[in-house]
Structure formats: C-alpha cells, structure tokens
C-alpha cells in the first residue's frame, strides 16, 4: 500500500475542504469547537447537507447511494470533517444498520428503510446492551414471543445512546430460550412510537443526558420487521459490531487531539521552559504519535478490505483495543499538560449561550469533560477484554 497521497487524492481533499467551508454553518462549527451540547437539529443539519451532496453513506455500495470512494478517499473525508469541527455523523442508521440491511435485509426492507436513513426521515437507536448483558450480549433477556404474524416483545435495553431522539430502534431479542446462548437470538426493527415503549433518561456523572433506558411492555412488532432469519440474529449482530468497533477506534479524532496536545504542551511550562521541551513528557508524546501512526496504517488496511466487500473480522477487534487505549492515553496527557487547570469542570459552560469568564484557559474545561467521557470507550462496543478473547479464538483457536 502506497501511503503517499496522489495528485488526485490531494485534489479530492481540497474539494472536501472547500465544500465544508461553503456549507457548514459557522454557528454549528463553533458549538462543536466549544464542546457545547448538540441537539437533534444540529446533527441533522450536517447530515442533510452530506446527503444532498451524496456523501452521507460514503461506505455503502454505489447502487444503494454510496460514493464509490477508495479507502484513502474515505480516510481523507473523515479527517477533513473533523478538522472542520463538524458534528459527528450519528452512526446508528447509516454506519450500523445500513450495512446490515444491505447484507441481510429483504428487498422490501432495503427499498423502504435505506432511503429513509439517507434523508433522516428515521433516527435509529441501538438496542443491544441490557443491565445483565453488555459485552456478554449472548445472555440477553429481552423476549420476543411468536404470535402468528407478529411478535410480542418484553424486556429492557440500557445505555441507549441518543435514544431520546429516536423514532426507530434495532434490537437483539431472544426468540428461542431453549437453545444455546448465541442461538435463538433474532434481529428486529421496532417503531419507537409503538404502545408499550418507554424511554427513561440516564444522566451520567458529567451531567449529560446522552444515554437512556428503553423498556418494552407487550410491544407488538410485525414479522416483516425481522432482519435475516429467525433465531439467526447473532450473525447480524456480529456483522454490525465489526463496523461499530472500527468506528470506535476514531483515528481522525486521535490525530486532532494529538495536534491539540502539542499546542498545549508549548503553552504550558515546567521549570520555566515549555513542557514540550521536557524530555520525559516529549517522549510520552512521541510514543503516542508512533502508536497512532501504526494504528492509522492498520486502519487503512481494514478500510481497504471493506471497500472490496470484505467485512472486517477480528482485525476490527484489534483496532478497537488499540484505538480506545490511544484515545484514552491522549486525554490523560492533555490533562497532565494542563496540570491544575484541568480540574475545573462546570457543566453549564457547555450550554449554548454561556458567556461567563472561563476558569483557566478556554480549552481547559472541554479537556476535563473529554477525559471522563473517554473512560467508557474501552467498554462499549464489546469491552477490550472481550475483544482479546475474540482475537485469541480467531488467531489460535483457543
């Protein structure tokens, strides 16, 4: 693989930059830069613009609205939307469910749901984790009982990210309780407006309402909403998780955070000299940058395979492990560079319109917030411990 950008790829990068400059509202990018809370409309403004340009489903096959980009072009695109301080593309519909429907869905499901994902007509949530089934999804308890032309679903999902905005949810449910754990699970599409569904907020330690509990009480779901075959939803679940884990690695986010770390370490001082000149701290930055470069190359290889129609396998687990550790380590070094200035954390400073004088430099508050938020990424999408088991089984048959 050649890691030098070609002239065509450089032109592509310039085109993406130009488009972002012309279409991304400055008020929206300022909210992202300041880590202010984004609402549903904020996310949808950017995703609508992307869809109008034909760039929202950049990793889908072209026949379903994909871009046909190469692995390098996809990588450049991800880098530039982060460099432009654009909102993240909410992944549950376009990045997670979309590939599952394309691979396992019926023609009717593809024809109906894929366009609605692209035009933001549906906002999807992910119904995987349960109070007793997080990384160990095979032990889930939510039941779907066959009633002829429909199922009746009862149970609970938790840590449902942005579920307060969703009108649809894709769920793993148990349809056969007598089979072994990985069997007897089905993949259902459920309308959140169906009677019997209740969404309850979970407010995290940083004061944010990002995740939720979702309760199902005698919820009626048509059989046509089953994706794949009954009792074979585990295949869909694993396929989806490989895409999720690759995204969690967040290489472009880590590169952006590393650049910020270098800037802050030049503004922070130790013994009268910039922190970047301290040999111990500079060696920590260098080690982090080496890890990130290696991970970026590995990520490009995985994306290249995916562009050839090969779903990432245990490689996505390796990328998820290393990617989350790099992202966590970056926030640790950012806090270390700030020293006592990283301590103040005022939740209200992330409200739109907050104009009070910040405590310390204006970049201190967001760094503390990001540090705490990054603690969770080694857990969701399948904990790093589980990922190590997947790699061991795939590589050594253990």
Protein backbone atom coordinates (compact mmCIF):
# COMPACT_ATOMS: atom_id res chain seq x y z
CA UNK A 1 0.00 0.00 0.00
CA UNK A 2 1.35 3.40 -1.01
CA UNK A 3 0.91 5.94 1.83
CA UNK A 4 1.87 8.97 -0.25
CA UNK A 5 -1.15 10.95 -1.40
CA UNK A 6 -1.56 11.13 -5.17
CA UNK A 7 -2.43 14.34 -7.00
CA UNK A 8 -5.98 13.06 -7.44
CA UNK A 9 -6.27 12.49 -3.68
CA UNK A 10 -4.87 15.94 -2.93
CA UNK A 11 -7.48 17.46 -5.24
CA UNK A 12 -10.14 15.40 -3.50
CA UNK A 13 -9.03 16.74 -0.12
CA UNK A 14 -9.21 20.30 -1.43
CA UNK A 15 -12.72 19.65 -2.76
CA UNK A 16 -13.89 18.34 0.63
CA UNK A 17 -12.34 21.32 2.42
CA UNK A 18 -13.99 23.75 0.02
CA UNK A 19 -17.37 22.11 0.34
CA UNK A 20 -17.21 22.12 4.13
CA UNK A 21 -16.21 25.78 4.17
CA UNK A 22 -19.17 26.66 1.95
CA UNK A 23 -21.87 24.53 3.58
CA UNK A 24 -21.01 24.04 7.28
CA UNK A 25 -22.68 26.84 9.29
CA UNK A 26 -20.12 28.72 11.38
CA UNK A 27 -22.50 28.75 14.34
CA UNK A 28 -22.57 24.95 14.25
CA UNK A 29 -18.81 24.51 13.96
CA UNK A 30 -18.35 26.95 16.87
CA UNK A 31 -20.62 24.79 19.04
CA UNK A 32 -18.51 21.76 18.18
CA UNK A 33 -15.23 23.58 18.90
CA UNK A 34 -16.54 24.64 22.30
CA UNK A 35 -17.92 21.16 23.05
CA UNK A 36 -21.36 22.68 23.54
CA UNK A 37 -24.31 20.34 23.69
CA UNK A 38 -25.73 19.49 20.28
CA UNK A 39 -29.42 18.82 19.71
CA UNK A 40 -31.09 16.67 17.09
CA UNK A 41 -31.43 19.58 14.69
CA UNK A 42 -27.68 20.28 14.87
CA UNK A 43 -26.84 16.73 13.80
CA UNK A 44 -29.48 16.70 11.09
CA UNK A 45 -28.33 19.97 9.51
CA UNK A 46 -24.95 18.47 8.74
CA UNK A 47 -26.25 15.04 7.73
CA UNK A 48 -28.81 16.62 5.39
CA UNK A 49 -26.07 18.64 3.72
CA UNK A 50 -23.99 15.50 3.32
CA UNK A 51 -26.91 13.60 1.81
CA UNK A 52 -27.69 16.44 -0.59
CA UNK A 53 -24.07 16.20 -1.76
CA UNK A 54 -24.27 12.39 -1.95
CA UNK A 55 -21.66 11.93 0.78
CA UNK A 56 -23.63 10.68 3.78
CA UNK A 57 -23.37 6.94 3.10
CA UNK A 58 -19.78 7.12 1.93
CA UNK A 59 -19.12 3.45 2.76
CA UNK A 60 -22.27 1.96 1.17
CA UNK A 61 -22.21 0.28 -2.25
CA UNK A 62 -22.94 2.76 -5.03
CA UNK A 63 -26.19 1.02 -6.00
CA UNK A 64 -27.63 1.98 -2.62
CA UNK A 65 -26.38 5.56 -2.58
CA UNK A 66 -22.73 5.08 -1.70
CA UNK A 67 -19.89 7.19 -3.07
CA UNK A 68 -17.59 4.62 -4.63
CA UNK A 69 -14.63 6.25 -2.88
CA UNK A 70 -11.34 4.47 -2.37
CA UNK A 71 -10.10 3.64 1.13
CA UNK A 72 -7.76 6.64 1.02
CA UNK A 73 -10.56 9.00 -0.02
CA UNK A 74 -12.75 7.76 2.83
CA UNK A 75 -9.87 8.35 5.22
CA UNK A 76 -9.31 11.87 3.88
CA UNK A 77 -13.02 12.63 4.19
CA UNK A 78 -13.10 11.56 7.84
CA UNK A 79 -10.07 13.68 8.61
CA UNK A 80 -11.45 16.79 6.98
CA UNK A 81 -14.89 16.73 8.62
CA UNK A 82 -13.14 16.53 12.00
CA UNK A 83 -10.66 19.27 11.05
CA UNK A 84 -13.62 21.46 10.09
CA UNK A 85 -15.22 20.94 13.53
CA UNK A 86 -18.34 19.39 12.01
CA UNK A 87 -20.74 17.36 14.16
CA UNK A 88 -20.17 13.65 14.10
CA UNK A 89 -22.31 11.60 11.72
CA UNK A 90 -24.74 9.81 14.04
CA UNK A 91 -23.74 6.21 13.32
CA UNK A 92 -26.72 4.06 14.26
CA UNK A 93 -28.62 4.32 10.98
CA UNK A 94 -26.06 4.97 8.28
CA UNK A 95 -22.97 3.26 9.73
CA UNK A 96 -24.51 0.33 11.64
CA UNK A 97 -27.98 -0.63 10.45
CA UNK A 98 -27.41 0.32 6.81
CA UNK A 99 -24.67 -2.27 6.16
CA UNK A 100 -26.74 -4.94 7.99
CA UNK A 101 -29.80 -4.27 5.82
CA UNK A 102 -27.70 -4.29 2.67
CA UNK A 103 -26.19 -7.66 3.65
CA UNK A 104 -29.14 -9.44 5.31
CA UNK A 105 -32.30 -7.43 4.65
CA UNK A 106 -35.10 -8.30 2.24
CA UNK A 107 -35.54 -6.26 -0.91
CA UNK A 108 -38.64 -4.73 0.66
CA UNK A 109 -36.66 -3.70 3.76
CA UNK A 110 -33.86 -2.19 1.69
CA UNK A 111 -36.26 -0.31 -0.55
CA UNK A 112 -38.16 1.12 2.42
CA UNK A 113 -35.53 1.79 5.10
CA UNK A 114 -32.34 2.74 3.24
CA UNK A 115 -33.76 5.92 1.63
CA UNK A 116 -35.28 6.92 4.98
CA UNK A 117 -31.85 6.58 6.60
CA UNK A 118 -30.31 8.79 3.94
CA UNK A 119 -32.92 11.56 4.17
CA UNK A 120 -33.01 11.50 8.00
CA UNK A 121 -36.66 10.51 7.96
CA UNK A 122 -35.78 7.85 10.53
CA UNK A 123 -33.50 8.37 13.52
CA UNK A 124 -32.28 4.98 14.71
CA UNK A 125 -31.15 3.81 18.15
CA UNK A 126 -29.26 0.64 19.01
CA UNK A 127 -30.97 -1.87 21.30
CA UNK A 128 -28.15 -4.24 22.23
CA UNK A 129 -26.97 -3.80 25.85
CA UNK A 130 -29.09 -4.83 28.82
CA UNK A 131 -28.50 -4.49 32.58
CA UNK A 132 -27.13 -8.05 32.70
CA UNK A 133 -25.88 -8.30 29.13
CA UNK A 134 -23.35 -5.73 27.95
CA UNK A 135 -20.21 -7.21 26.45
CA UNK A 136 -21.80 -10.62 27.02
CA UNK A 137 -24.68 -9.98 24.63
CA UNK A 138 -25.44 -13.68 24.27
CA UNK A 139 -27.00 -13.62 27.76
CA UNK A 140 -29.64 -11.02 26.84
CA UNK A 141 -33.12 -11.47 28.36
CA UNK A 142 -35.45 -9.36 26.19
CA UNK A 143 -38.02 -11.78 24.78
CA UNK A 144 -39.96 -11.80 21.53
CA UNK A 145 -42.78 -14.35 21.52
CA UNK A 146 -44.28 -15.54 18.23
CA UNK A 147 -47.96 -14.59 17.79
CA UNK A 148 -48.52 -15.59 14.19
CA UNK A 149 -47.96 -12.53 12.03
CA UNK A 150 -46.23 -10.57 14.80
CA UNK A 151 -44.05 -10.82 17.91
CA UNK A 152 -44.80 -9.56 21.40
CA UNK A 153 -41.64 -8.06 22.92
CA UNK A 154 -40.94 -7.63 26.64
CA UNK A 155 -37.69 -6.57 28.27
CA UNK A 156 -35.26 -3.73 28.79
CA UNK A 157 -32.33 -2.17 26.95
CA UNK A 158 -29.83 0.20 28.53
CA UNK A 159 -27.09 2.68 27.58
CA UNK A 160 -29.15 3.54 24.51
CA UNK A 161 -27.20 6.47 23.07
CA UNK A 162 -29.34 9.40 21.86
CA UNK A 163 -32.42 7.23 22.24
CA UNK A 164 -34.36 10.32 23.30
CA UNK A 165 -34.26 11.48 19.68
CA UNK A 166 -35.01 8.13 18.01
CA UNK A 167 -38.21 7.09 16.27
CA UNK A 168 -36.84 3.62 15.43
CA UNK A 169 -34.67 1.09 17.26
CA UNK A 170 -32.99 -2.10 16.05
CA UNK A 171 -32.93 -4.74 18.78
CA UNK A 172 -31.50 -8.11 19.62
CA UNK A 173 -34.23 -10.25 21.19
CA UNK A 174 -34.49 -13.81 22.39
CA UNK A 175 -36.90 -15.84 20.24
CA UNK A 176 -35.85 -19.30 21.46
CA UNK A 177 -34.97 -19.63 25.14
CA UNK A 178 -34.15 -23.34 24.91
CA UNK A 179 -31.19 -23.04 22.55
CA UNK A 180 -27.56 -22.32 23.41
CA UNK A 181 -26.73 -18.65 24.20
CA UNK A 182 -25.63 -17.50 20.74
CA UNK A 183 -28.57 -19.22 19.09
CA UNK A 184 -32.21 -18.31 19.48
CA UNK A 185 -31.49 -14.59 19.07
CA UNK A 186 -33.23 -12.52 16.40
CA UNK A 187 -32.68 -9.04 14.96
CA UNK A 188 -35.82 -6.87 14.99
CA UNK A 189 -36.66 -3.39 13.73
CA UNK A 190 -39.06 -1.67 16.13
CA UNK A 191 -41.02 1.58 15.80
CA UNK A 192 -40.44 3.65 18.96
CA UNK A 193 -43.99 5.02 18.73
CA UNK A 194 -45.45 1.57 19.32
CA UNK A 195 -47.55 1.36 22.51
CA UNK A 196 -45.62 -0.19 25.41
CA UNK A 197 -42.26 1.51 24.81
CA UNK A 198 -40.90 3.87 27.45
CA UNK A 199 -37.62 5.79 27.27
CA UNK A 200 -36.05 6.82 30.58
CA UNK A 201 -33.02 9.14 30.69
CA UNK A 202 -29.73 8.18 32.33
CA UNK A 203 -27.83 11.27 33.45
CA UNK A 204 -24.12 10.49 33.70
CA UNK A 205 -21.60 11.84 36.22
CA UNK A 206 -20.72 14.73 33.93
CA UNK A 207 -24.34 15.90 33.98
CA UNK A 208 -25.04 14.83 30.40
CA UNK A 209 -28.16 13.12 29.05
CA UNK A 210 -26.63 11.09 26.25
CA UNK A 211 -27.79 7.60 27.18
CA UNK A 212 -31.11 6.06 28.17
CA UNK A 213 -33.01 3.01 29.32
CA UNK A 214 -35.66 1.66 26.95
CA UNK A 215 -38.44 -0.51 28.38
CA UNK A 216 -40.66 -2.83 26.32
CA UNK A 217 -44.01 -3.97 27.73
CA UNK A 218 -46.12 -6.16 25.44
CA UNK A 219 -44.83 -4.35 22.35
CA UNK A 220 -46.32 -5.63 19.08
CA UNK A 221 -43.78 -5.96 16.24
CA UNK A 222 -44.77 -7.19 12.76
CA UNK A 223 -42.95 -10.26 11.46
CA UNK A 224 -41.90 -8.27 8.39
CA UNK A 225 -39.57 -6.31 10.70
CA UNK A 226 -37.37 -9.36 11.24
CA UNK A 227 -33.94 -8.93 9.58
CA UNK A 228 -32.39 -12.17 8.41
CA UNK A 229 -33.76 -15.48 9.65
CA UNK A 230 -35.46 -16.07 12.98
CA UNK A 231 -33.01 -17.30 15.65
CA UNK A 232 -30.03 -16.29 13.47
CA UNK A 233 -29.77 -12.67 14.58
CA UNK A 234 -26.37 -13.32 16.14
CA UNK A 235 -24.92 -13.32 12.63
CA UNK A 236 -26.36 -9.84 12.01
CA UNK A 237 -25.17 -8.69 15.43
CA UNK A 238 -21.57 -9.75 14.83
CA UNK A 239 -21.56 -8.20 11.38
CA UNK A 240 -22.79 -4.87 12.77
CA UNK A 241 -20.29 -4.88 15.64
CA UNK A 242 -17.31 -5.16 13.29
CA UNK A 243 -18.33 -1.84 11.71
CA UNK A 244 -19.04 -0.28 15.11
CA UNK A 245 -15.68 -1.31 16.54
CA UNK A 246 -13.78 0.08 13.58
CA UNK A 247 -15.55 3.41 14.12
CA UNK A 248 -14.88 3.46 17.86
CA UNK A 249 -11.14 3.41 17.16
CA UNK A 250 -11.54 7.00 15.95
CA UNK A 251 -8.19 7.53 14.23
CA UNK A 252 -9.02 11.03 12.89
CA UNK A 253 -10.23 12.11 16.33
CA UNK A 254 -6.99 10.92 17.89
CA UNK A 255 -4.93 12.83 15.30
CA UNK A 256 -6.86 16.01 16.04
CA UNK A 257 -6.42 15.50 19.80
CA UNK A 258 -2.69 14.84 19.34
CA UNK A 259 -2.29 18.14 17.49
CA UNK A 260 -4.07 19.91 20.36
CA UNK A 261 -1.77 18.16 22.85
CA UNK A 262 1.30 19.52 21.04
CA UNK A 263 -0.15 23.04 21.03
CA UNK A 264 -0.98 22.95 24.75
CA UNK A 265 2.39 21.48 25.68
CA UNK A 266 4.02 24.51 24.04
CA UNK A 267 1.85 26.87 26.10
CA UNK A 268 2.37 25.01 29.40
CA UNK A 269 5.60 25.41 31.33
CA UNK A 270 7.76 23.30 33.63
CA UNK A 271 10.81 24.77 35.36
CA UNK A 272 10.49 27.88 33.24
CA UNK A 273 10.53 26.01 29.91
CA UNK A 274 7.69 24.86 27.61
CA UNK A 275 6.51 21.40 28.60
CA UNK A 276 7.19 20.14 25.09
CA UNK A 277 10.91 20.57 25.85
CA UNK A 278 10.76 18.33 28.90
CA UNK A 279 12.45 15.07 27.78
CA UNK A 280 10.10 12.79 29.72
CA UNK A 281 6.90 14.45 28.53
CA UNK A 282 8.11 14.81 24.94
CA UNK A 283 9.00 11.11 24.89
CA UNK A 284 5.44 10.31 26.01
CA UNK A 285 4.09 12.37 23.11
CA UNK A 286 6.47 10.65 20.70
CA UNK A 287 5.42 7.19 21.88
CA UNK A 288 1.76 8.15 21.48
CA UNK A 289 2.36 9.50 17.98
CA UNK A 290 4.16 6.32 16.92
CA UNK A 291 1.27 4.20 18.18
CA UNK A 292 -1.20 6.42 16.36
CA UNK A 293 0.71 6.25 13.08
CA UNK A 294 0.84 2.45 13.25
CA UNK A 295 -2.86 2.35 14.04
CA UNK A 296 -3.66 4.66 11.12
CA UNK A 297 -1.87 2.36 8.70
CA UNK A 298 -3.68 -0.66 10.14
CA UNK A 299 -6.99 1.18 9.89
CA UNK A 300 -6.37 1.95 6.22
CA UNK A 301 -5.74 -1.73 5.55
CA UNK A 302 -9.04 -2.68 7.18
CA UNK A 303 -10.96 0.01 5.30
CA UNK A 304 -9.34 -1.20 2.07
CA UNK A 305 -10.59 -4.71 2.71
CA UNK A 306 -14.08 -3.39 3.49
CA UNK A 307 -14.12 -1.47 0.20
CA UNK A 308 -13.53 -4.81 -1.55
CA UNK A 309 -16.66 -6.22 0.08
CA UNK A 310 -14.91 -7.96 2.98
CA UNK A 311 -16.44 -7.18 6.36
CA UNK A 312 -13.72 -6.56 8.95
CA UNK A 313 -13.30 -9.54 11.27
CA UNK A 314 -11.05 -9.92 14.27
CA UNK A 315 -8.95 -7.07 12.83
CA UNK A 316 -11.71 -4.70 13.94
CA UNK A 317 -11.27 -6.06 17.49
CA UNK A 318 -7.54 -5.29 17.37
CA UNK A 319 -8.24 -1.81 16.07
CA UNK A 320 -10.88 -1.23 18.74
CA UNK A 321 -8.50 -2.27 21.53
CA UNK A 322 -5.61 -0.11 20.37
CA UNK A 323 -7.78 2.77 19.25
CA UNK A 324 -9.54 3.14 22.58
CA UNK A 325 -6.26 2.94 24.50
CA UNK A 326 -4.74 5.64 22.30
CA UNK A 327 -7.76 7.92 22.73
CA UNK A 328 -7.70 7.44 26.50
CA UNK A 329 -3.95 7.99 26.69
CA UNK A 330 -4.27 11.21 24.69
CA UNK A 331 -6.79 12.67 27.14
CA UNK A 332 -4.57 11.61 30.03
CA UNK A 333 -1.62 13.52 28.57
CA UNK A 334 -3.82 16.53 27.84
CA UNK A 335 -4.84 16.69 31.50
CA UNK A 336 -1.23 16.19 32.53
CA UNK A 337 -0.16 19.08 30.29
CA UNK A 338 -2.77 21.37 31.81
CA UNK A 339 -1.97 20.42 35.39
CA UNK A 340 -4.29 22.09 37.94
CA UNK A 341 -6.07 23.95 35.12
CA UNK A 342 -7.65 20.66 34.05
CA UNK A 343 -9.51 20.36 37.35
CA UNK A 344 -12.30 22.95 36.94
CA UNK A 345 -15.35 21.46 35.28
CA UNK A 346 -18.56 23.46 35.04
CA UNK A 347 -21.35 21.56 33.21
CA UNK A 348 -23.18 24.80 32.44
CA UNK A 349 -20.28 26.07 30.32
CA UNK A 350 -21.35 23.65 27.58
CA UNK A 351 -24.83 25.18 27.30
CA UNK A 352 -25.39 27.26 24.17
CA UNK A 353 -25.21 30.95 25.06
CA UNK A 354 -22.97 30.52 28.12
CA UNK A 355 -20.66 33.57 28.14
CA UNK A 356 -19.21 33.70 31.66
CA UNK A 357 -15.48 34.00 32.18
CA UNK A 358 -13.91 30.51 31.97
CA UNK A 359 -11.75 29.19 34.80
CA UNK A 360 -8.29 28.90 33.28
CA UNK A 361 -7.75 28.80 29.50
CA UNK A 362 -10.86 28.33 27.39
CA UNK A 363 -9.68 24.87 26.27
CA UNK A 364 -9.34 23.52 29.84
CA UNK A 365 -12.99 22.71 30.52
CA UNK A 366 -13.58 20.60 27.41
CA UNK A 367 -10.45 18.58 28.12
CA UNK A 368 -11.70 17.57 31.56
CA UNK A 369 -15.03 16.64 30.01
CA UNK A 370 -13.39 14.57 27.28
CA UNK A 371 -11.17 12.79 29.78
CA UNK A 372 -14.19 11.47 31.68
CA UNK A 373 -16.13 10.67 28.50
CA UNK A 374 -13.24 8.63 27.09
CA UNK A 375 -13.25 6.28 30.09
CA UNK A 376 -16.23 4.43 28.62
CA UNK A 377 -14.96 3.72 25.12
CA UNK A 378 -12.90 0.68 26.15
CA UNK A 379 -16.18 -0.85 27.40
CA UNK A 380 -18.90 -0.17 24.83
CA UNK A 381 -18.98 -1.99 21.50
CA UNK A 382 -17.71 -5.02 23.44
CA UNK A 383 -15.17 -4.46 26.21
CA UNK A 384 -11.47 -4.67 25.38
CA UNK A 385 -11.24 -7.85 27.46
CA UNK A 386 -13.87 -9.47 25.27
CA UNK A 387 -12.04 -8.27 22.15
CA UNK A 388 -8.88 -10.00 23.35
CA UNK A 389 -10.84 -13.24 23.66
CA UNK A 390 -12.15 -12.80 20.10
CA UNK A 391 -8.61 -12.28 18.79
CA UNK A 392 -7.30 -15.31 20.72
CA UNK A 393 -10.04 -17.57 19.37
CA UNK A 394 -9.66 -16.31 15.80
CA UNK A 395 -5.87 -16.49 15.79
CA UNK A 396 -5.09 -19.52 17.94
CA UNK A 397 -8.35 -21.45 18.16
CA UNK A 398 -8.43 -21.01 21.93
